[in-house]
């Protein structure tokens, strides 16, 4: 039987992300997932549903020329259905790069990720990176 506790779902999600296993990663999402992307750049805002979140993540990979990467840097911290994960994320494209720490806060309900809130250590630098020369 699959472990559907919030920590187990978060672990499965981040393990799949690190392997590039998009099918397993997306399988952790509730169909009505709400993703809150912080900042003041082209990807900022609320993205709803698997299709909306998929478009966001695909856009970020395209904008970072396939270099966007995220690694878990510490243990999951659990508070009910909330799981906070310390992360480090980076990316590079012609003329710019970013590398910073952050926290991903997942809400896991009934074995699925229903919401994601992201926090960055340097929002100004992240905005500058995602703004890019080809901002939409």
N, C-alpha and C. Protein backbone atom coordinates (compact mmCIF):
# COMPACT_ATOMS: atom_id res chain seq x y z
N UNK A 1 0.84 -1.19 0.00
CA UNK A 1 0.00 0.00 0.00
C UNK A 1 0.88 1.25 0.00
N UNK A 2 0.51 2.23 -0.77
CA UNK A 2 1.27 3.47 -0.88
C UNK A 2 1.01 4.36 0.34
N UNK A 3 2.08 4.95 0.87
CA UNK A 3 1.98 5.87 2.01
C UNK A 3 1.51 7.22 1.48
N UNK A 4 0.36 7.67 1.94
CA UNK A 4 -0.21 8.94 1.48
C UNK A 4 -0.16 10.03 2.55
N UNK A 5 0.70 9.84 3.55
CA UNK A 5 0.86 10.90 4.55
C UNK A 5 1.49 12.12 3.87
N UNK A 6 1.27 13.30 4.42
CA UNK A 6 1.84 14.50 3.79
C UNK A 6 3.35 14.42 3.55
N UNK A 7 4.10 13.93 4.53
CA UNK A 7 5.55 13.85 4.36
C UNK A 7 5.92 12.87 3.26
N UNK A 8 5.25 11.73 3.19
CA UNK A 8 5.54 10.74 2.15
C UNK A 8 5.21 11.28 0.77
N UNK A 9 4.09 11.98 0.63
CA UNK A 9 3.72 12.56 -0.67
C UNK A 9 4.76 13.60 -1.09
N UNK A 10 5.17 14.45 -0.15
CA UNK A 10 6.19 15.46 -0.45
C UNK A 10 7.51 14.80 -0.86
N UNK A 11 7.90 13.76 -0.16
CA UNK A 11 9.14 13.05 -0.48
C UNK A 11 9.07 12.44 -1.87
N UNK A 12 7.95 11.81 -2.20
CA UNK A 12 7.77 11.22 -3.53
C UNK A 12 7.86 12.30 -4.60
N UNK A 13 7.22 13.44 -4.36
CA UNK A 13 7.24 14.56 -5.30
C UNK A 13 8.67 15.05 -5.55
N UNK A 14 9.40 15.34 -4.49
CA UNK A 14 10.76 15.87 -4.66
C UNK A 14 11.72 14.83 -5.22
N UNK A 15 11.56 13.56 -4.85
CA UNK A 15 12.40 12.51 -5.43
C UNK A 15 12.16 12.41 -6.94
N UNK A 16 10.89 12.45 -7.35
CA UNK A 16 10.57 12.39 -8.77
C UNK A 16 11.11 13.61 -9.51
N UNK A 17 10.98 14.78 -8.90
CA UNK A 17 11.51 16.01 -9.50
C UNK A 17 13.01 15.90 -9.72
N UNK A 18 13.73 15.37 -8.73
CA UNK A 18 15.19 15.27 -8.85
C UNK A 18 15.61 14.29 -9.94
N UNK A 19 14.77 13.29 -10.22
CA UNK A 19 15.06 12.31 -11.28
C UNK A 19 14.55 12.74 -12.64
N UNK A 20 13.78 13.82 -12.68
CA UNK A 20 13.17 14.23 -13.94
C UNK A 20 11.99 13.36 -14.33
N UNK A 21 11.40 12.68 -13.35
CA UNK A 21 10.26 11.78 -13.58
C UNK A 21 8.97 12.59 -13.48
N UNK A 22 8.63 13.25 -14.58
CA UNK A 22 7.49 14.15 -14.59
C UNK A 22 6.17 13.42 -14.32
N UNK A 23 6.02 12.21 -14.81
CA UNK A 23 4.76 11.48 -14.60
C UNK A 23 4.51 11.24 -13.11
N UNK A 24 5.53 10.77 -12.39
CA UNK A 24 5.37 10.53 -10.96
C UNK A 24 5.17 11.84 -10.21
N UNK A 25 5.92 12.86 -10.62
CA UNK A 25 5.79 14.17 -9.97
C UNK A 25 4.36 14.69 -10.10
N UNK A 26 3.84 14.70 -11.30
CA UNK A 26 2.50 15.23 -11.56
C UNK A 26 1.42 14.35 -10.92
N UNK A 27 1.71 13.06 -10.76
CA UNK A 27 0.75 12.17 -10.12
C UNK A 27 0.52 12.53 -8.65
N UNK A 28 1.41 13.31 -8.07
CA UNK A 28 1.24 13.73 -6.68
C UNK A 28 0.29 14.92 -6.56
N UNK A 29 -0.03 15.57 -7.69
CA UNK A 29 -0.89 16.75 -7.68
C UNK A 29 -2.37 16.39 -7.69
N UNK A 30 -3.14 17.11 -6.92
CA UNK A 30 -4.59 17.07 -7.03
C UNK A 30 -4.95 17.72 -8.36
N UNK A 31 -5.99 17.26 -9.05
CA UNK A 31 -6.35 17.87 -10.34
C UNK A 31 -6.62 19.38 -10.23
N UNK A 32 -7.04 19.85 -9.07
CA UNK A 32 -7.35 21.28 -8.89
C UNK A 32 -6.25 22.01 -8.12
N UNK A 33 -5.02 21.52 -8.20
CA UNK A 33 -3.89 22.14 -7.48
C UNK A 33 -3.85 23.64 -7.73
N UNK A 34 -3.44 24.38 -6.71
CA UNK A 34 -3.26 25.83 -6.83
C UNK A 34 -1.80 26.13 -6.46
N UNK A 35 -1.07 26.68 -7.41
CA UNK A 35 0.37 26.96 -7.26
C UNK A 35 0.54 28.47 -7.17
N UNK A 36 1.14 28.92 -6.08
CA UNK A 36 1.36 30.36 -5.84
C UNK A 36 2.83 30.67 -6.10
N UNK A 37 3.10 31.30 -7.24
CA UNK A 37 4.47 31.65 -7.62
C UNK A 37 4.72 33.10 -7.22
N UNK A 38 5.66 33.34 -6.31
CA UNK A 38 5.88 34.71 -5.83
C UNK A 38 6.62 35.57 -6.84
N UNK A 39 6.70 36.83 -6.53
CA UNK A 39 7.54 37.74 -7.28
C UNK A 39 6.79 38.66 -8.21
N UNK A 40 7.58 39.35 -9.01
CA UNK A 40 7.06 40.31 -9.98
C UNK A 40 7.62 40.03 -11.35
N UNK A 41 7.56 38.79 -11.80
CA UNK A 41 8.12 38.40 -13.10
C UNK A 41 7.07 37.67 -13.91
N UNK A 42 7.43 37.24 -15.09
CA UNK A 42 6.47 36.65 -16.03
C UNK A 42 5.79 35.38 -15.53
N UNK A 43 6.38 34.70 -14.56
CA UNK A 43 5.78 33.47 -14.05
C UNK A 43 5.02 33.68 -12.74
N UNK A 44 5.10 34.88 -12.18
CA UNK A 44 4.45 35.18 -10.90
C UNK A 44 2.94 35.06 -11.00
N UNK A 45 2.34 34.71 -9.89
CA UNK A 45 0.89 34.66 -9.82
C UNK A 45 0.39 33.29 -9.40
N UNK A 46 -0.90 33.11 -9.56
CA UNK A 46 -1.56 31.87 -9.18
C UNK A 46 -1.81 31.04 -10.42
N UNK A 47 -1.40 29.78 -10.36
CA UNK A 47 -1.57 28.85 -11.48
C UNK A 47 -2.45 27.71 -10.97
N UNK A 48 -3.50 27.40 -11.71
CA UNK A 48 -4.51 26.46 -11.23
C UNK A 48 -4.59 25.23 -12.14
N UNK A 49 -4.70 24.08 -11.49
CA UNK A 49 -4.88 22.83 -12.20
C UNK A 49 -3.57 22.26 -12.72
N UNK A 50 -3.60 20.98 -13.02
CA UNK A 50 -2.40 20.31 -13.52
C UNK A 50 -1.93 20.93 -14.82
N UNK A 51 -2.84 21.31 -15.69
CA UNK A 51 -2.46 21.93 -16.96
C UNK A 51 -1.77 23.28 -16.73
N UNK A 52 -2.33 24.09 -15.84
CA UNK A 52 -1.74 25.40 -15.54
C UNK A 52 -0.37 25.28 -14.89
N UNK A 53 -0.23 24.36 -13.95
CA UNK A 53 1.06 24.16 -13.28
C UNK A 53 2.06 23.56 -14.27
N UNK A 54 1.61 22.65 -15.10
CA UNK A 54 2.50 22.07 -16.11
C UNK A 54 3.02 23.13 -17.08
N UNK A 55 2.15 24.05 -17.49
CA UNK A 55 2.58 25.14 -18.37
C UNK A 55 3.60 26.04 -17.67
N UNK A 56 3.38 26.32 -16.40
CA UNK A 56 4.32 27.12 -15.62
C UNK A 56 5.69 26.45 -15.58
N UNK A 57 5.74 25.19 -15.18
CA UNK A 57 7.01 24.48 -15.04
C UNK A 57 7.71 24.33 -16.39
N UNK A 58 6.94 24.05 -17.43
CA UNK A 58 7.52 23.96 -18.78
C UNK A 58 8.09 25.29 -19.23
N UNK A 59 7.38 26.38 -18.93
CA UNK A 59 7.87 27.71 -19.28
C UNK A 59 9.16 28.05 -18.55
N UNK A 60 9.25 27.64 -17.30
CA UNK A 60 10.47 27.91 -16.53
C UNK A 60 11.65 27.11 -17.08
N UNK A 61 11.41 25.88 -17.49
CA UNK A 61 12.49 25.09 -18.09
C UNK A 61 12.93 25.71 -19.42
N UNK A 62 11.98 26.17 -20.20
CA UNK A 62 12.32 26.80 -21.48
C UNK A 62 13.10 28.10 -21.25
N UNK A 63 12.63 28.94 -20.34
CA UNK A 63 13.28 30.22 -20.08
C UNK A 63 14.69 30.04 -19.50
N UNK A 64 14.90 28.96 -18.76
CA UNK A 64 16.22 28.71 -18.17
C UNK A 64 17.08 27.84 -19.08
N UNK A 65 16.62 27.66 -20.31
CA UNK A 65 17.36 26.87 -21.30
C UNK A 65 17.65 25.46 -20.77
N UNK A 66 16.66 24.92 -20.04
CA UNK A 66 16.75 23.55 -19.53
C UNK A 66 17.63 23.38 -18.31
N UNK A 67 18.06 24.48 -17.70
CA UNK A 67 19.02 24.37 -16.59
C UNK A 67 18.38 24.49 -15.22
N UNK A 68 17.11 24.84 -15.14
CA UNK A 68 16.50 25.01 -13.82
C UNK A 68 16.60 23.72 -13.03
N UNK A 69 17.08 23.82 -11.81
CA UNK A 69 17.24 22.65 -10.94
C UNK A 69 16.88 23.03 -9.52
N UNK A 70 16.35 22.06 -8.80
CA UNK A 70 15.97 22.26 -7.41
C UNK A 70 16.43 21.05 -6.61
N UNK A 71 17.06 21.31 -5.47
CA UNK A 71 17.47 20.21 -4.59
C UNK A 71 16.95 20.49 -3.18
N UNK A 72 16.57 19.43 -2.50
CA UNK A 72 16.15 19.51 -1.11
C UNK A 72 17.41 19.63 -0.26
N UNK A 73 17.41 20.57 0.68
CA UNK A 73 18.61 20.82 1.48
C UNK A 73 18.46 20.47 2.96
N UNK A 74 17.29 20.01 3.35
CA UNK A 74 17.09 19.68 4.75
C UNK A 74 15.84 18.82 4.92
N UNK A 75 15.55 18.44 6.14
CA UNK A 75 14.41 17.56 6.38
C UNK A 75 13.07 18.28 6.21
N UNK A 76 12.07 17.49 5.85
CA UNK A 76 10.70 18.00 5.76
C UNK A 76 10.22 18.37 7.16
N UNK A 77 9.49 19.47 7.25
CA UNK A 77 8.92 19.91 8.52
C UNK A 77 7.40 19.86 8.37
N UNK A 78 6.75 19.13 9.25
CA UNK A 78 5.33 18.85 9.13
C UNK A 78 4.52 19.60 10.18
N UNK A 79 3.39 20.16 9.76
CA UNK A 79 2.42 20.77 10.66
C UNK A 79 1.04 20.44 10.08
N UNK A 80 0.47 19.35 10.53
CA UNK A 80 -0.82 18.92 10.00
C UNK A 80 -0.70 18.53 8.53
N UNK A 81 -1.44 19.23 7.67
CA UNK A 81 -1.40 18.93 6.24
C UNK A 81 -0.36 19.79 5.50
N UNK A 82 0.38 20.61 6.25
CA UNK A 82 1.41 21.47 5.65
C UNK A 82 2.78 20.82 5.79
N UNK A 83 3.55 20.84 4.69
CA UNK A 83 4.91 20.31 4.70
C UNK A 83 5.82 21.40 4.15
N UNK A 84 6.76 21.86 4.98
CA UNK A 84 7.74 22.86 4.57
C UNK A 84 9.05 22.14 4.25
N UNK A 85 9.60 22.46 3.09
CA UNK A 85 10.82 21.81 2.63
C UNK A 85 11.86 22.87 2.30
N UNK A 86 13.02 22.85 2.97
CA UNK A 86 14.08 23.78 2.58
C UNK A 86 14.71 23.30 1.27
N UNK A 87 14.91 24.23 0.34
CA UNK A 87 15.42 23.88 -0.98
C UNK A 87 16.52 24.86 -1.41
N UNK A 88 17.22 24.47 -2.44
CA UNK A 88 18.14 25.36 -3.15
C UNK A 88 17.77 25.20 -4.62
N UNK A 89 17.64 26.32 -5.31
CA UNK A 89 17.30 26.24 -6.73
C UNK A 89 18.20 27.15 -7.53
N UNK A 90 18.41 26.74 -8.78
CA UNK A 90 19.33 27.46 -9.64
C UNK A 90 18.89 27.35 -11.08
N UNK A 91 19.45 28.21 -11.88
CA UNK A 91 19.21 28.18 -13.30
C UNK A 91 20.17 29.13 -13.99
N UNK A 92 20.35 28.93 -15.28
CA UNK A 92 21.22 29.82 -16.06
C UNK A 92 20.64 29.95 -17.46
N UNK A 93 20.89 31.08 -18.03
CA UNK A 93 20.55 31.33 -19.42
C UNK A 93 21.56 32.34 -19.93
N UNK A 94 21.56 32.59 -21.20
CA UNK A 94 22.51 33.54 -21.76
C UNK A 94 22.36 34.88 -21.02
N UNK A 95 23.44 35.33 -20.43
CA UNK A 95 23.46 36.63 -19.78
C UNK A 95 22.99 36.68 -18.34
N UNK A 96 22.57 35.56 -17.76
CA UNK A 96 22.08 35.62 -16.38
C UNK A 96 22.11 34.24 -15.73
N UNK A 97 22.20 34.26 -14.40
CA UNK A 97 22.10 33.03 -13.64
C UNK A 97 21.53 33.36 -12.27
N UNK A 98 21.03 32.34 -11.60
CA UNK A 98 20.56 32.49 -10.22
C UNK A 98 20.88 31.22 -9.48
N UNK A 99 21.08 31.36 -8.18
CA UNK A 99 21.36 30.23 -7.30
C UNK A 99 21.04 30.71 -5.89
N UNK A 100 19.96 30.20 -5.31
CA UNK A 100 19.56 30.69 -3.99
C UNK A 100 18.78 29.64 -3.22
N UNK A 101 18.64 29.90 -1.96
CA UNK A 101 17.85 29.03 -1.10
C UNK A 101 16.40 29.51 -1.05
N UNK A 102 15.56 28.63 -0.57
CA UNK A 102 14.16 28.96 -0.42
C UNK A 102 13.45 27.90 0.40
N UNK A 103 12.16 28.06 0.49
CA UNK A 103 11.30 27.08 1.17
C UNK A 103 10.10 26.83 0.28
N UNK A 104 9.79 25.57 0.06
CA UNK A 104 8.57 25.19 -0.64
C UNK A 104 7.59 24.68 0.42
N UNK A 105 6.42 25.26 0.45
CA UNK A 105 5.38 24.87 1.40
C UNK A 105 4.27 24.18 0.64
N UNK A 106 4.10 22.89 0.90
CA UNK A 106 3.08 22.09 0.22
C UNK A 106 1.91 21.84 1.17
N UNK A 107 0.71 21.94 0.66
CA UNK A 107 -0.47 21.51 1.39
C UNK A 107 -0.88 20.17 0.80
N UNK A 108 -0.89 19.14 1.62
CA UNK A 108 -1.23 17.79 1.17
C UNK A 108 -2.50 17.35 1.86
N UNK A 109 -3.49 17.04 1.04
CA UNK A 109 -4.79 16.63 1.57
C UNK A 109 -5.24 15.37 0.83
N UNK A 110 -5.66 14.37 1.58
CA UNK A 110 -6.14 13.11 1.00
C UNK A 110 -5.13 12.50 0.04
N UNK A 111 -3.83 12.61 0.40
CA UNK A 111 -2.78 11.97 -0.38
C UNK A 111 -2.36 12.70 -1.64
N UNK A 112 -2.81 13.94 -1.82
CA UNK A 112 -2.45 14.71 -3.02
C UNK A 112 -2.02 16.12 -2.62
N UNK A 113 -1.11 16.70 -3.40
CA UNK A 113 -0.70 18.08 -3.19
C UNK A 113 -1.79 18.98 -3.76
N UNK A 114 -2.44 19.76 -2.88
CA UNK A 114 -3.54 20.63 -3.31
C UNK A 114 -3.10 22.08 -3.47
N UNK A 115 -1.97 22.44 -2.84
CA UNK A 115 -1.47 23.81 -2.96
C UNK A 115 0.03 23.83 -2.75
N UNK A 116 0.68 24.78 -3.44
CA UNK A 116 2.11 25.01 -3.30
C UNK A 116 2.32 26.51 -3.14
N UNK A 117 3.08 26.87 -2.11
CA UNK A 117 3.52 28.26 -1.89
C UNK A 117 5.04 28.23 -1.87
N UNK A 118 5.67 29.12 -2.61
CA UNK A 118 7.12 29.16 -2.70
C UNK A 118 7.65 30.43 -2.05
N UNK A 119 8.82 30.30 -1.42
CA UNK A 119 9.48 31.43 -0.77
C UNK A 119 10.94 31.43 -1.22
N UNK A 120 11.42 32.58 -1.65
CA UNK A 120 12.79 32.72 -2.14
C UNK A 120 13.61 33.60 -1.21
N UNK A 121 14.89 33.28 -1.06
CA UNK A 121 15.77 34.07 -0.21
C UNK A 121 16.09 35.43 -0.82
N UNK A 122 16.02 35.54 -2.15
CA UNK A 122 16.39 36.78 -2.83
C UNK A 122 15.40 37.05 -3.96
N UNK A 123 14.25 37.58 -3.60
CA UNK A 123 13.18 37.80 -4.57
C UNK A 123 13.61 38.74 -5.69
N UNK A 124 14.42 39.73 -5.39
CA UNK A 124 14.85 40.69 -6.41
C UNK A 124 15.69 40.00 -7.48
N UNK A 125 16.61 39.15 -7.06
CA UNK A 125 17.44 38.42 -8.02
C UNK A 125 16.62 37.41 -8.81
N UNK A 126 15.67 36.78 -8.15
CA UNK A 126 14.82 35.82 -8.86
C UNK A 126 13.98 36.55 -9.90
N UNK A 127 13.41 37.69 -9.54
CA UNK A 127 12.64 38.49 -10.50
C UNK A 127 13.50 38.86 -11.71
N UNK A 128 14.73 39.29 -11.45
CA UNK A 128 15.62 39.71 -12.54
C UNK A 128 15.92 38.53 -13.47
N UNK A 129 16.14 37.35 -12.89
CA UNK A 129 16.44 36.18 -13.72
C UNK A 129 15.25 35.81 -14.60
N UNK A 130 14.06 35.70 -14.01
CA UNK A 130 12.89 35.28 -14.77
C UNK A 130 12.36 36.37 -15.70
N UNK A 131 12.69 37.63 -15.41
CA UNK A 131 12.26 38.70 -16.31
C UNK A 131 12.88 38.50 -17.68
N UNK A 132 14.18 38.24 -17.70
CA UNK A 132 14.86 37.89 -18.93
C UNK A 132 14.66 38.85 -20.08
N UNK A 133 15.48 38.70 -21.12
CA UNK A 133 15.38 39.56 -22.28
C UNK A 133 14.15 39.29 -23.13
N UNK A 134 13.55 38.09 -22.98
CA UNK A 134 12.39 37.76 -23.79
C UNK A 134 11.12 37.71 -22.97
N UNK A 135 11.03 38.56 -21.95
CA UNK A 135 9.84 38.59 -21.09
C UNK A 135 8.59 38.80 -21.91
N UNK A 136 7.55 38.12 -21.47
CA UNK A 136 6.26 38.22 -22.18
C UNK A 136 5.38 39.19 -21.46
